[in-house]
Amino acid sequence: MGPVTRAADTLIRLYQERLSPRKGWTCAHLVAHGGQSCSAAVRGLVASRGIARSVVPTVARFVACYQAASLLASTDVQGVCCCGGIPIPFRFRR
């Protein structure tokens, strides 16, 4: 793993450890589909492919998270999609 990839991995890990637990919501993709959160999926992509080869799958994951947030918006449970710079509110029913 090169220095840039290590730096990106460290930044994602710090986000997961320090910021994510404090934001008060869970990744919409994780809630809707199970599996990994977006940050865990992107961290795995960066570790296995490097930064440059992770860009397209990362964007695809964030689009899928946005779509999951849109899907969940018609339900009664509340949260926010964690993708990108603007939080996207959602709710879903149980």
C-alpha atoms as a PDB file:
ATOM      1  CA  MET A   1       0.000   0.000   0.000  1.00  0.00           C
ATOM      2  CA  GLY A   2       1.482   3.305  -1.089  1.00  0.00           C
ATOM      3  CA  PRO A   3       1.640   6.435   1.076  1.00  0.00           C
ATOM      4  CA  VAL A   4      -1.405   8.096  -0.524  1.00  0.00           C
ATOM      5  CA  THR A   5      -3.466   4.929  -0.152  1.00  0.00           C
ATOM      6  CA  ARG A   6      -2.324   4.581   3.473  1.00  0.00           C
ATOM      7  CA  ALA A   7      -3.291   8.207   4.123  1.00  0.00           C
ATOM      8  CA  ALA A   8      -6.751   7.666   2.603  1.00  0.00           C
ATOM      9  CA  ASP A   9      -7.185   4.487   4.665  1.00  0.00           C
ATOM     10  CA  THR A  10      -6.197   6.384   7.819  1.00  0.00           C
ATOM     11  CA  LEU A  11      -8.668   9.191   7.062  1.00  0.00           C
ATOM     12  CA  ILE A  12     -11.514   6.720   6.479  1.00  0.00           C
ATOM     13  CA  ARG A  13     -10.605   4.819   9.661  1.00  0.00           C
ATOM     14  CA  LEU A  14     -10.578   8.053  11.677  1.00  0.00           C
ATOM     15  CA  TYR A  15     -13.969   8.977  10.208  1.00  0.00           C
ATOM     16  CA  GLN A  16     -15.321   5.544  11.214  1.00  0.00           C
ATOM     17  CA  GLU A  17     -13.903   5.744  14.733  1.00  0.00           C
ATOM     18  CA  ARG A  18     -14.397   9.403  15.611  1.00  0.00           C
ATOM     19  CA  LEU A  19     -17.052  11.054  13.443  1.00  0.00           C
ATOM     20  CA  SER A  20     -19.434   8.312  12.372  1.00  0.00           C
ATOM     21  CA  PRO A  21     -20.460   7.271  15.919  1.00  0.00           C
ATOM     22  CA  ARG A  22     -21.267  10.920  16.764  1.00  0.00           C
ATOM     23  CA  LYS A  23     -23.409  11.806  13.764  1.00  0.00           C
ATOM     24  CA  GLY A  24     -26.498  10.027  15.057  1.00  0.00           C
ATOM     25  CA  TRP A  25     -27.551   8.030  12.001  1.00  0.00           C
ATOM     26  CA  THR A  26     -26.523   4.974  10.002  1.00  0.00           C
ATOM     27  CA  CYS A  27     -25.620   4.629   6.341  1.00  0.00           C
ATOM     28  CA  ALA A  28     -28.840   4.294   4.312  1.00  0.00           C
ATOM     29  CA  HIS A  29     -27.308   1.606   2.085  1.00  0.00           C
ATOM     30  CA  LEU A  30     -26.459  -0.487   5.152  1.00  0.00           C
ATOM     31  CA  VAL A  31     -29.952  -0.045   6.573  1.00  0.00           C
ATOM     32  CA  ALA A  32     -31.720  -0.853   3.298  1.00  0.00           C
ATOM     33  CA  HIS A  33     -29.518  -3.659   2.005  1.00  0.00           C
ATOM     34  CA  GLY A  34     -27.387  -4.940   4.889  1.00  0.00           C
ATOM     35  CA  GLY A  35     -23.735  -5.745   4.389  1.00  0.00           C
ATOM     36  CA  GLN A  36     -21.194  -2.982   4.903  1.00  0.00           C
ATOM     37  CA  SER A  37     -21.619   0.729   5.442  1.00  0.00           C
ATOM     38  CA  CYS A  38     -20.399   2.975   2.653  1.00  0.00           C
ATOM     39  CA  SER A  39     -17.280   3.931   4.591  1.00  0.00           C
ATOM     40  CA  ALA A  40     -16.371   0.263   5.182  1.00  0.00           C
ATOM     41  CA  ALA A  41     -17.007  -0.602   1.532  1.00  0.00           C
ATOM     42  CA  VAL A  42     -14.936   2.335   0.278  1.00  0.00           C
ATOM     43  CA  ARG A  43     -12.153   1.554   2.740  1.00  0.00           C
ATOM     44  CA  GLY A  44     -12.027  -1.995   1.385  1.00  0.00           C
ATOM     45  CA  LEU A  45     -11.975  -0.716  -2.201  1.00  0.00           C
ATOM     46  CA  VAL A  46      -9.127   1.681  -1.475  1.00  0.00           C
ATOM     47  CA  ALA A  47      -7.132  -1.018   0.310  1.00  0.00           C
ATOM     48  CA  SER A  48      -7.558  -3.559  -2.487  1.00  0.00           C
ATOM     49  CA  ARG A  49      -7.493  -1.328  -5.586  1.00  0.00           C
ATOM     50  CA  GLY A  50      -5.753   1.885  -4.593  1.00  0.00           C
ATOM     51  CA  ILE A  51      -7.129   5.400  -4.870  1.00  0.00           C
ATOM     52  CA  ALA A  52      -7.398   5.834  -8.640  1.00  0.00           C
ATOM     53  CA  ARG A  53      -9.073   2.496  -9.352  1.00  0.00           C
ATOM     54  CA  SER A  54     -11.537   3.052  -6.490  1.00  0.00           C
ATOM     55  CA  VAL A  55     -13.074   6.280  -7.790  1.00  0.00           C
ATOM     56  CA  VAL A  56     -15.736   4.780 -10.096  1.00  0.00           C
ATOM     57  CA  PRO A  57     -16.898   2.044  -7.655  1.00  0.00           C
ATOM     58  CA  THR A  58     -16.952   4.616  -4.846  1.00  0.00           C
ATOM     59  CA  VAL A  59     -19.180   6.948  -6.853  1.00  0.00           C
ATOM     60  CA  ALA A  60     -21.411   3.983  -7.733  1.00  0.00           C
ATOM     61  CA  ARG A  61     -21.681   3.089  -4.037  1.00  0.00           C
ATOM     62  CA  PHE A  62     -22.610   6.649  -3.078  1.00  0.00           C
ATOM     63  CA  VAL A  63     -25.267   6.716  -5.821  1.00  0.00           C
ATOM     64  CA  ALA A  64     -26.635   3.422  -4.472  1.00  0.00           C
ATOM     65  CA  CYS A  65     -26.688   4.925  -0.964  1.00  0.00           C
ATOM     66  CA  TYR A  66     -28.543   7.965  -2.259  1.00  0.00           C
ATOM     67  CA  GLN A  67     -31.061   5.651  -3.949  1.00  0.00           C
ATOM     68  CA  ALA A  68     -31.431   3.672  -0.711  1.00  0.00           C
ATOM     69  CA  ALA A  69     -32.097   6.917   1.161  1.00  0.00           C
ATOM     70  CA  SER A  70     -34.744   7.819  -1.420  1.00  0.00           C
ATOM     71  CA  LEU A  71     -36.316   4.383  -1.053  1.00  0.00           C
ATOM     72  CA  LEU A  72     -36.366   4.686   2.714  1.00  0.00           C
ATOM     73  CA  ALA A  73     -37.793   8.214   2.580  1.00  0.00           C
ATOM     74  CA  SER A  74     -41.280   6.823   2.108  1.00  0.00           C
ATOM     75  CA  THR A  75     -41.108   4.907   5.382  1.00  0.00           C
ATOM     76  CA  ASP A  76     -41.387   5.897   9.030  1.00  0.00           C
ATOM     77  CA  VAL A  77     -37.855   5.293  10.413  1.00  0.00           C
ATOM     78  CA  GLN A  78     -35.673   8.396  10.395  1.00  0.00           C
ATOM     79  CA  GLY A  79     -32.022   8.881   9.473  1.00  0.00           C
ATOM     80  CA  VAL A  80     -29.742  10.633   7.026  1.00  0.00           C
ATOM     81  CA  CYS A  81     -27.772   9.324   4.047  1.00  0.00           C
ATOM     82  CA  CYS A  82     -24.103   9.778   4.823  1.00  0.00           C
ATOM     83  CA  CYS A  83     -22.927  10.219   1.242  1.00  0.00           C
ATOM     84  CA  GLY A  84     -21.353  13.394   0.043  1.00  0.00           C
ATOM     85  CA  GLY A  85     -21.255  16.788   1.649  1.00  0.00           C
ATOM     86  CA  ILE A  86     -25.004  17.271   2.039  1.00  0.00           C
ATOM     87  CA  PRO A  87     -26.907  14.951   4.385  1.00  0.00           C
ATOM     88  CA  ILE A  88     -30.040  13.515   2.795  1.00  0.00           C
ATOM     89  CA  PRO A  89     -32.828  12.868   5.307  1.00  0.00           C
ATOM     90  CA  PHE A  90     -34.837   9.684   5.163  1.00  0.00           C
ATOM     91  CA  ARG A  91     -37.455   7.875   7.228  1.00  0.00           C
ATOM     92  CA  PHE A  92     -38.758   4.358   7.178  1.00  0.00           C
ATOM     93  CA  ARG A  93     -41.542   2.396   8.825  1.00  0.00           C
ATOM     94  CA  ARG A  94     -41.196  -0.781  10.779  1.00  0.00           C
END
